[in-house]
PDB file of N, CA and C in Angstrom:
ATOM      1  N   MET A   1     -26.965  50.587  -9.204  1.00  0.00           N
ATOM      2  CA  MET A   1     -27.097  49.357  -8.965  1.00  0.00           C
ATOM      3  C   MET A   1     -26.953  48.899  -7.164  1.00  0.00           C
ATOM      4  N   HIS A   2     -27.779  47.918  -7.130  1.00  0.00           N
ATOM      5  CA  HIS A   2     -28.106  47.581  -5.954  1.00  0.00           C
ATOM      6  C   HIS A   2     -26.813  47.083  -4.951  1.00  0.00           C
ATOM      7  N   VAL A   3     -26.864  47.985  -3.740  1.00  0.00           N
ATOM      8  CA  VAL A   3     -25.655  47.290  -3.003  1.00  0.00           C
ATOM      9  C   VAL A   3     -26.027  46.437  -2.091  1.00  0.00           C
ATOM     10  N   GLY A   4     -25.534  45.093  -1.580  1.00  0.00           N
ATOM     11  CA  GLY A   4     -25.799  44.345  -0.827  1.00  0.00           C
ATOM     12  C   GLY A   4     -24.724  43.702   0.196  1.00  0.00           C
ATOM     13  N   TYR A   5     -25.132  42.892   1.023  1.00  0.00           N
ATOM     14  CA  TYR A   5     -24.240  42.427   1.821  1.00  0.00           C
ATOM     15  C   TYR A   5     -24.397  41.191   2.595  1.00  0.00           C
ATOM     16  N   CYS A   6     -23.755  40.814   2.721  1.00  0.00           N
ATOM     17  CA  CYS A   6     -23.830  38.973   3.409  1.00  0.00           C
ATOM     18  C   CYS A   6     -22.610  39.083   4.102  1.00  0.00           C
ATOM     19  N   LEU A   7     -22.847  37.801   5.268  1.00  0.00           N
ATOM     20  CA  LEU A   7     -22.287  37.323   5.962  1.00  0.00           C
ATOM     21  C   LEU A   7     -21.605  35.674   5.654  1.00  0.00           C
ATOM     22  N   SER A   8     -20.658  35.852   5.457  1.00  0.00           N
ATOM     23  CA  SER A   8     -20.009  34.270   5.087  1.00  0.00           C
ATOM     24  C   SER A   8     -19.141  33.796   5.985  1.00  0.00           C
ATOM     25  N   CYS A   9     -19.098  32.465   5.780  1.00  0.00           N
ATOM     26  CA  CYS A   9     -18.317  31.275   6.587  1.00  0.00           C
ATOM     27  C   CYS A   9     -17.529  30.676   5.786  1.00  0.00           C
ATOM     28  N   TYR A  10     -16.263  30.352   6.636  1.00  0.00           N
ATOM     29  CA  TYR A  10     -15.319  29.499   5.696  1.00  0.00           C
ATOM     30  C   TYR A  10     -14.507  28.766   7.032  1.00  0.00           C
ATOM     31  N   GLY A  11     -14.406  27.449   6.116  1.00  0.00           N
ATOM     32  CA  GLY A  11     -14.011  26.577   7.377  1.00  0.00           C
ATOM     33  C   GLY A  11     -12.553  26.641   7.114  1.00  0.00           C
ATOM     34  N   GLU A  12     -11.374  25.619   7.584  1.00  0.00           N
ATOM     35  CA  GLU A  12     -10.012  25.851   7.086  1.00  0.00           C
ATOM     36  C   GLU A  12      -9.724  25.929   5.633  1.00  0.00           C
ATOM     37  N   ASN A  13      -9.812  24.571   4.782  1.00  0.00           N
ATOM     38  CA  ASN A  13     -10.247  24.797   3.523  1.00  0.00           C
ATOM     39  C   ASN A  13     -11.287  24.635   2.660  1.00  0.00           C
ATOM     40  N   SER A  14     -12.093  25.329   3.145  1.00  0.00           N
ATOM     41  CA  SER A  14     -13.731  25.057   2.769  1.00  0.00           C
ATOM     42  C   SER A  14     -14.549  26.265   2.961  1.00  0.00           C
ATOM     43  N   TYR A  15     -15.400  26.551   1.742  1.00  0.00           N
ATOM     44  CA  TYR A  15     -16.413  27.519   1.905  1.00  0.00           C
ATOM     45  C   TYR A  15     -17.397  26.894   2.986  1.00  0.00           C
ATOM     46  N   VAL A  16     -18.200  27.511   3.698  1.00  0.00           N
ATOM     47  CA  VAL A  16     -19.385  26.854   4.527  1.00  0.00           C
ATOM     48  C   VAL A  16     -20.568  27.329   3.893  1.00  0.00           C
ATOM     49  N   PHE A  17     -20.829  28.835   4.005  1.00  0.00           N
ATOM     50  CA  PHE A  17     -21.989  29.442   3.633  1.00  0.00           C
ATOM     51  C   PHE A  17     -22.025  30.717   3.577  1.00  0.00           C
ATOM     52  N   SER A  18     -22.754  31.385   2.722  1.00  0.00           N
ATOM     53  CA  SER A  18     -22.929  32.722   2.623  1.00  0.00           C
ATOM     54  C   SER A  18     -24.581  32.841   3.018  1.00  0.00           C
ATOM     55  N   ALA A  19     -24.591  33.806   3.869  1.00  0.00           N
ATOM     56  CA  ALA A  19     -26.414  34.420   4.373  1.00  0.00           C
ATOM     57  C   ALA A  19     -26.228  35.792   3.915  1.00  0.00           C
ATOM     58  N   PRO A  20     -27.507  36.031   3.030  1.00  0.00           N
ATOM     59  CA  PRO A  20     -27.598  37.468   2.593  1.00  0.00           C
ATOM     60  C   PRO A  20     -28.293  38.565   3.591  1.00  0.00           C
ATOM     61  N   LEU A  21     -27.958  39.616   3.811  1.00  0.00           N
ATOM     62  CA  LEU A  21     -28.347  40.434   5.172  1.00  0.00           C
ATOM     63  C   LEU A  21     -29.095  41.961   4.594  1.00  0.00           C
ATOM     64  N   SER A  22     -30.006  41.987   5.340  1.00  0.00           N
ATOM     65  CA  SER A  22     -30.939  43.044   5.124  1.00  0.00           C
ATOM     66  C   SER A  22     -30.460  44.262   5.888  1.00  0.00           C
ATOM     67  N   THR A  23     -29.430  45.090   5.426  1.00  0.00           N
ATOM     68  CA  THR A  23     -28.710  45.986   6.328  1.00  0.00           C
ATOM     69  C   THR A  23     -28.105  47.184   5.451  1.00  0.00           C
ATOM     70  N   THR A  24     -28.139  48.245   6.204  1.00  0.00           N
ATOM     71  CA  THR A  24     -27.390  49.794   5.396  1.00  0.00           C
ATOM     72  C   THR A  24     -26.499  49.420   5.796  1.00  0.00           C
ATOM     73  N   ARG A  25     -25.577  50.080   4.679  1.00  0.00           N
ATOM     74  CA  ARG A  25     -24.142  50.991   5.113  1.00  0.00           C
ATOM     75  C   ARG A  25     -24.184  51.390   6.565  1.00  0.00           C
ATOM     76  N   ASP A  26     -24.574  52.129   6.776  1.00  0.00           N
ATOM     77  CA  ASP A  26     -24.507  53.132   7.923  1.00  0.00           C
ATOM     78  C   ASP A  26     -25.084  51.907   9.269  1.00  0.00           C
ATOM     79  N   GLU A  27     -25.944  51.441   9.077  1.00  0.00           N
ATOM     80  CA  GLU A  27     -26.238  49.971  10.275  1.00  0.00           C
ATOM     81  C   GLU A  27     -24.934  49.306  10.415  1.00  0.00           C
ATOM     82  N   ALA A  28     -24.407  49.037   8.996  1.00  0.00           N
ATOM     83  CA  ALA A  28     -23.034  47.640   9.396  1.00  0.00           C
ATOM     84  C   ALA A  28     -22.008  48.285  10.110  1.00  0.00           C
ATOM     85  N   ARG A  29     -21.814  49.593   9.673  1.00  0.00           N
ATOM     86  CA  ARG A  29     -20.719  50.273   9.780  1.00  0.00           C
ATOM     87  C   ARG A  29     -20.796  50.899  11.551  1.00  0.00           C
ATOM     88  N   LYS A  30     -22.024  50.596  12.079  1.00  0.00           N
ATOM     89  CA  LYS A  30     -22.385  50.848  13.824  1.00  0.00           C
ATOM     90  C   LYS A  30     -22.318  49.236  14.307  1.00  0.00           C
ATOM     91  N   VAL A  31     -22.547  48.251  13.438  1.00  0.00           N
ATOM     92  CA  VAL A  31     -21.491  47.085  14.390  1.00  0.00           C
ATOM     93  C   VAL A  31     -20.548  46.568  14.143  1.00  0.00           C
ATOM     94  N   LEU A  32     -19.706  46.708  13.226  1.00  0.00           N
ATOM     95  CA  LEU A  32     -18.415  46.374  12.784  1.00  0.00           C
ATOM     96  C   LEU A  32     -17.480  47.484  13.157  1.00  0.00           C
ATOM     97  N   GLU A  33     -17.964  48.761  13.484  1.00  0.00           N
ATOM     98  CA  GLU A  33     -16.979  49.716  14.040  1.00  0.00           C
ATOM     99  C   GLU A  33     -15.715  50.115  12.985  1.00  0.00           C
ATOM    100  N   ARG A  34     -16.303  49.947  11.576  1.00  0.00           N
ATOM    101  CA  ARG A  34     -15.455  50.001  10.591  1.00  0.00           C
ATOM    102  C   ARG A  34     -15.520  51.175   9.587  1.00  0.00           C
ATOM    103  N   LYS A  35     -14.306  51.694   9.135  1.00  0.00           N
ATOM    104  CA  LYS A  35     -14.968  52.740   7.966  1.00  0.00           C
ATOM    105  C   LYS A  35     -14.923  51.942   6.760  1.00  0.00           C
ATOM    106  N   HIS A  36     -14.079  51.082   6.195  1.00  0.00           N
ATOM    107  CA  HIS A  36     -14.328  50.009   5.183  1.00  0.00           C
ATOM    108  C   HIS A  36     -14.576  49.000   5.685  1.00  0.00           C
ATOM    109  N   LEU A  37     -16.176  48.778   5.387  1.00  0.00           N
ATOM    110  CA  LEU A  37     -17.029  47.707   5.778  1.00  0.00           C
ATOM    111  C   LEU A  37     -16.073  46.510   5.193  1.00  0.00           C
ATOM    112  N   ILE A  38     -15.844  46.369   3.747  1.00  0.00           N
ATOM    113  CA  ILE A  38     -15.047  44.931   3.231  1.00  0.00           C
ATOM    114  C   ILE A  38     -14.093  45.471   3.261  1.00  0.00           C
ATOM    115  N   ASN A  39     -13.170  44.565   4.442  1.00  0.00           N
ATOM    116  CA  ASN A  39     -12.035  44.969   4.617  1.00  0.00           C
ATOM    117  C   ASN A  39     -10.835  43.746   4.757  1.00  0.00           C
ATOM    118  N   GLY A  40     -11.788  42.560   4.738  1.00  0.00           N
ATOM    119  CA  GLY A  40     -11.077  41.503   4.924  1.00  0.00           C
ATOM    120  C   GLY A  40     -10.597  40.809   6.057  1.00  0.00           C
ATOM    121  N   ASP A  41     -10.796  41.631   7.284  1.00  0.00           N
ATOM    122  CA  ASP A  41     -10.665  41.012   8.663  1.00  0.00           C
ATOM    123  C   ASP A  41     -11.679  40.122   8.922  1.00  0.00           C
ATOM    124  N   PRO A  42     -11.225  38.931   9.568  1.00  0.00           N
ATOM    125  CA  PRO A  42     -12.583  38.414  10.183  1.00  0.00           C
ATOM    126  C   PRO A  42     -13.404  38.970  11.385  1.00  0.00           C
ATOM    127  N   LEU A  43     -14.588  38.712  11.456  1.00  0.00           N
ATOM    128  CA  LEU A  43     -15.683  39.119  12.267  1.00  0.00           C
ATOM    129  C   LEU A  43     -15.194  38.412  13.879  1.00  0.00           C
ATOM    130  N   THR A  44     -15.397  39.473  14.702  1.00  0.00           N
ATOM    131  CA  THR A  44     -15.403  38.501  15.855  1.00  0.00           C
ATOM    132  C   THR A  44     -16.704  37.916  16.300  1.00  0.00           C
ATOM    133  N   GLU A  45     -17.169  37.374  17.235  1.00  0.00           N
ATOM    134  CA  GLU A  45     -18.117  36.643  17.483  1.00  0.00           C
ATOM    135  C   GLU A  45     -19.569  37.749  18.129  1.00  0.00           C
ATOM    136  N   ALA A  46     -18.867  38.802  18.675  1.00  0.00           N
ATOM    137  CA  ALA A  46     -20.023  39.985  18.968  1.00  0.00           C
ATOM    138  C   ALA A  46     -20.455  40.208  17.895  1.00  0.00           C
ATOM    139  N   GLN A  47     -19.644  40.617  16.439  1.00  0.00           N
ATOM    140  CA  GLN A  47     -20.201  40.863  15.332  1.00  0.00           C
ATOM    141  C   GLN A  47     -21.297  40.160  14.756  1.00  0.00           C
ATOM    142  N   VAL A  48     -20.410  38.816  14.416  1.00  0.00           N
ATOM    143  CA  VAL A  48     -21.545  38.058  13.709  1.00  0.00           C
ATOM    144  C   VAL A  48     -23.075  38.060  14.461  1.00  0.00           C
ATOM    145  N   ARG A  49     -22.992  37.800  16.093  1.00  0.00           N
ATOM    146  CA  ARG A  49     -24.174  37.493  16.759  1.00  0.00           C
ATOM    147  C   ARG A  49     -24.988  38.947  16.272  1.00  0.00           C
ATOM    148  N   ALA A  50     -24.582  40.251  16.269  1.00  0.00           N
ATOM    149  CA  ALA A  50     -25.145  41.472  15.840  1.00  0.00           C
ATOM    150  C   ALA A  50     -25.705  41.381  14.374  1.00  0.00           C
ATOM    151  N   LEU A  51     -24.907  40.611  13.518  1.00  0.00           N
ATOM    152  CA  LEU A  51     -25.080  40.784  12.032  1.00  0.00           C
ATOM    153  C   LEU A  51     -25.999  39.791  11.713  1.00  0.00           C
ATOM    154  N   ARG A  52     -26.313  38.651  12.148  1.00  0.00           N
ATOM    155  CA  ARG A  52     -27.001  37.641  12.212  1.00  0.00           C
ATOM    156  C   ARG A  52     -28.439  38.158  12.448  1.00  0.00           C
ATOM    157  N   GLU A  53     -28.936  39.164  13.391  1.00  0.00           N
ATOM    158  CA  GLU A  53     -30.229  39.655  13.212  1.00  0.00           C
ATOM    159  C   GLU A  53     -30.726  40.426  12.232  1.00  0.00           C
ATOM    160  N   HIS A  54     -29.607  40.506  10.950  1.00  0.00           N
ATOM    161  CA  HIS A  54     -30.050  41.389   9.787  1.00  0.00           C
ATOM    162  C   HIS A  54     -30.071  40.316   8.854  1.00  0.00           C
ATOM    163  N   ALA A  55     -30.032  38.701   9.135  1.00  0.00           N
ATOM    164  CA  ALA A  55     -30.316  37.908   8.058  1.00  0.00           C
ATOM    165  C   ALA A  55     -31.605  37.374   7.197  1.00  0.00           C
ATOM    166  N   LEU A  56     -31.568  37.401   5.822  1.00  0.00           N
ATOM    167  CA  LEU A  56     -32.702  37.013   5.531  1.00  0.00           C
ATOM    168  C   LEU A  56     -33.414  35.853   5.182  1.00  0.00           C
ATOM    169  N   GLY A  57     -34.655  35.799   5.455  1.00  0.00           N
ATOM    170  CA  GLY A  57     -35.277  34.418   5.558  1.00  0.00           C
ATOM    171  C   GLY A  57     -35.298  34.036   7.033  1.00  0.00           C
ATOM    172  N   GLU A  58     -35.279  32.689   6.695  1.00  0.00           N
ATOM    173  CA  GLU A  58     -35.092  31.821   8.102  1.00  0.00           C
ATOM    174  C   GLU A  58     -33.950  31.085   8.035  1.00  0.00           C
ATOM    175  N   VAL A  59     -32.936  31.809   8.598  1.00  0.00           N
ATOM    176  CA  VAL A  59     -31.375  31.286   8.482  1.00  0.00           C
ATOM    177  C   VAL A  59     -30.998  31.466  10.009  1.00  0.00           C
ATOM    178  N   GLU A  60     -30.667  30.461  10.523  1.00  0.00           N
ATOM    179  CA  GLU A  60     -29.690  30.733  11.827  1.00  0.00           C
ATOM    180  C   GLU A  60     -28.311  30.293  11.779  1.00  0.00           C
ATOM    181  N   ILE A  61     -27.692  31.273  12.114  1.00  0.00           N
ATOM    182  CA  ILE A  61     -26.346  31.300  12.082  1.00  0.00           C
ATOM    183  C   ILE A  61     -25.597  31.387  13.580  1.00  0.00           C
ATOM    184  N   GLY A  62     -24.916  30.500  13.997  1.00  0.00           N
ATOM    185  CA  GLY A  62     -24.427  30.261  15.034  1.00  0.00           C
ATOM    186  C   GLY A  62     -22.895  30.648  14.852  1.00  0.00           C
ATOM    187  N   TRP A  63     -22.037  30.556  16.035  1.00  0.00           N
ATOM    188  CA  TRP A  63     -20.421  30.662  15.797  1.00  0.00           C
ATOM    189  C   TRP A  63     -19.923  29.610  16.507  1.00  0.00           C
ATOM    190  N   ASP A  64     -19.158  29.322  15.777  1.00  0.00           N
ATOM    191  CA  ASP A  64     -17.623  28.409  16.223  1.00  0.00           C
ATOM    192  C   ASP A  64     -16.496  28.683  16.048  1.00  0.00           C
ATOM    193  N   GLU A  65     -15.738  28.447  16.916  1.00  0.00           N
ATOM    194  CA  GLU A  65     -14.415  29.356  16.880  1.00  0.00           C
ATOM    195  C   GLU A  65     -13.433  28.555  15.803  1.00  0.00           C
ATOM    196  N   ASN A  66     -13.692  27.670  15.478  1.00  0.00           N
ATOM    197  CA  ASN A  66     -12.938  26.577  14.373  1.00  0.00           C
ATOM    198  C   ASN A  66     -13.226  27.390  13.093  1.00  0.00           C
ATOM    199  N   LEU A  67     -14.359  28.231  12.876  1.00  0.00           N
ATOM    200  CA  LEU A  67     -14.709  28.775  11.572  1.00  0.00           C
ATOM    201  C   LEU A  67     -14.547  30.082  11.468  1.00  0.00           C
ATOM    202  N   SER A  68     -14.106  30.839  10.060  1.00  0.00           N
ATOM    203  CA  SER A  68     -13.883  32.029  10.360  1.00  0.00           C
ATOM    204  C   SER A  68     -15.095  33.110   9.460  1.00  0.00           C
ATOM    205  N   PHE A  69     -15.312  33.862   9.982  1.00  0.00           N
ATOM    206  CA  PHE A  69     -16.791  34.524   9.365  1.00  0.00           C
ATOM    207  C   PHE A  69     -16.156  36.045   9.088  1.00  0.00           C
ATOM    208  N   PHE A  70     -16.997  36.382   7.808  1.00  0.00           N
ATOM    209  CA  PHE A  70     -16.536  37.398   7.267  1.00  0.00           C
ATOM    210  C   PHE A  70     -17.693  38.344   6.408  1.00  0.00           C
ATOM    211  N   PHE A  71     -17.540  40.033   6.355  1.00  0.00           N
ATOM    212  CA  PHE A  71     -18.566  40.779   6.046  1.00  0.00           C
ATOM    213  C   PHE A  71     -18.319  40.819   4.608  1.00  0.00           C
ATOM    214  N   GLU A  72     -19.138  40.506   3.846  1.00  0.00           N
ATOM    215  CA  GLU A  72     -19.080  40.459   2.149  1.00  0.00           C
ATOM    216  C   GLU A  72     -19.725  41.205   1.439  1.00  0.00           C
ATOM    217  N   GLY A  73     -19.525  41.652   0.162  1.00  0.00           N
ATOM    218  CA  GLY A  73     -20.264  42.423  -0.597  1.00  0.00           C
ATOM    219  C   GLY A  73     -21.241  41.644  -1.635  1.00  0.00           C
ATOM    220  N   ARG A  74     -22.274  41.713  -2.313  1.00  0.00           N
ATOM    221  CA  ARG A  74     -23.028  41.094  -3.179  1.00  0.00           C
ATOM    222  C   ARG A  74     -23.268  42.196  -4.033  1.00  0.00           C
ATOM    223  N   ASN A  75     -23.316  42.000  -5.266  1.00  0.00           N
ATOM    224  CA  ASN A  75     -23.777  43.387  -6.142  1.00  0.00           C
ATOM    225  C   ASN A  75     -23.428  44.809  -6.033  1.00  0.00           C
ATOM    226  N   LEU A  76     -21.997  44.817  -5.389  1.00  0.00           N
ATOM    227  CA  LEU A  76     -21.785  45.991  -5.286  1.00  0.00           C
ATOM    228  C   LEU A  76     -21.179  46.770  -6.349  1.00  0.00           C
ATOM    229  N   PRO A  77     -21.494  48.209  -6.529  1.00  0.00           N
ATOM    230  CA  PRO A  77     -21.171  49.206  -7.811  1.00  0.00           C
ATOM    231  C   PRO A  77     -19.513  49.224  -7.814  1.00  0.00           C
ATOM    232  N   GLU A  78     -19.261  49.266  -9.136  1.00  0.00           N
ATOM    233  CA  GLU A  78     -17.970  49.343  -9.313  1.00  0.00           C
ATOM    234  C   GLU A  78     -17.238  50.715  -9.326  1.00  0.00           C
ATOM    235  N   ASP A  79     -17.885  51.877  -8.638  1.00  0.00           N
ATOM    236  CA  ASP A  79     -17.454  53.242  -8.036  1.00  0.00           C
ATOM    237  C   ASP A  79     -17.693  53.113  -6.633  1.00  0.00           C
ATOM    238  N   ASP A  80     -16.258  52.923  -6.148  1.00  0.00           N
ATOM    239  CA  ASP A  80     -16.193  52.944  -4.599  1.00  0.00           C
ATOM    240  C   ASP A  80     -16.837  53.995  -3.857  1.00  0.00           C
ATOM    241  N   SER A  81     -17.089  55.485  -4.393  1.00  0.00           N
ATOM    242  CA  SER A  81     -17.780  56.437  -3.971  1.00  0.00           C
ATOM    243  C   SER A  81     -19.313  55.888  -3.442  1.00  0.00           C
ATOM    244  N   LYS A  82     -19.959  54.946  -4.479  1.00  0.00           N
ATOM    245  CA  LYS A  82     -21.269  54.850  -4.323  1.00  0.00           C
ATOM    246  C   LYS A  82     -21.473  53.876  -2.557  1.00  0.00           C
ATOM    247  N   TRP A  83     -20.545  53.394  -2.613  1.00  0.00           N
ATOM    248  CA  TRP A  83     -20.656  52.234  -1.560  1.00  0.00           C
ATOM    249  C   TRP A  83     -19.486  52.364  -0.107  1.00  0.00           C
ATOM    250  N   LEU A  84     -18.503  53.205  -0.176  1.00  0.00           N
ATOM    251  CA  LEU A  84     -17.885  53.247   1.001  1.00  0.00           C
ATOM    252  C   LEU A  84     -18.800  54.350   1.932  1.00  0.00           C
TER     253      LEU A  84
END
């Protein structure tokens, strides 16, 4: 199964967007400095800026301190060993 990631943005009470990313697990791990890439922790501004370079298509991703940004999975395999 294809392993994919996205950069998602949420407001206080709403979903704002998700942008698909073209990045490998190892590339994302270097940016996020996490063993478990998808852990529910919000991203920092520096992490968002680094990840937006991997956005697919003509997507512009900005930073707003009033929003929360997360690294999320798309089409992840059920077996954790295939994507950890």
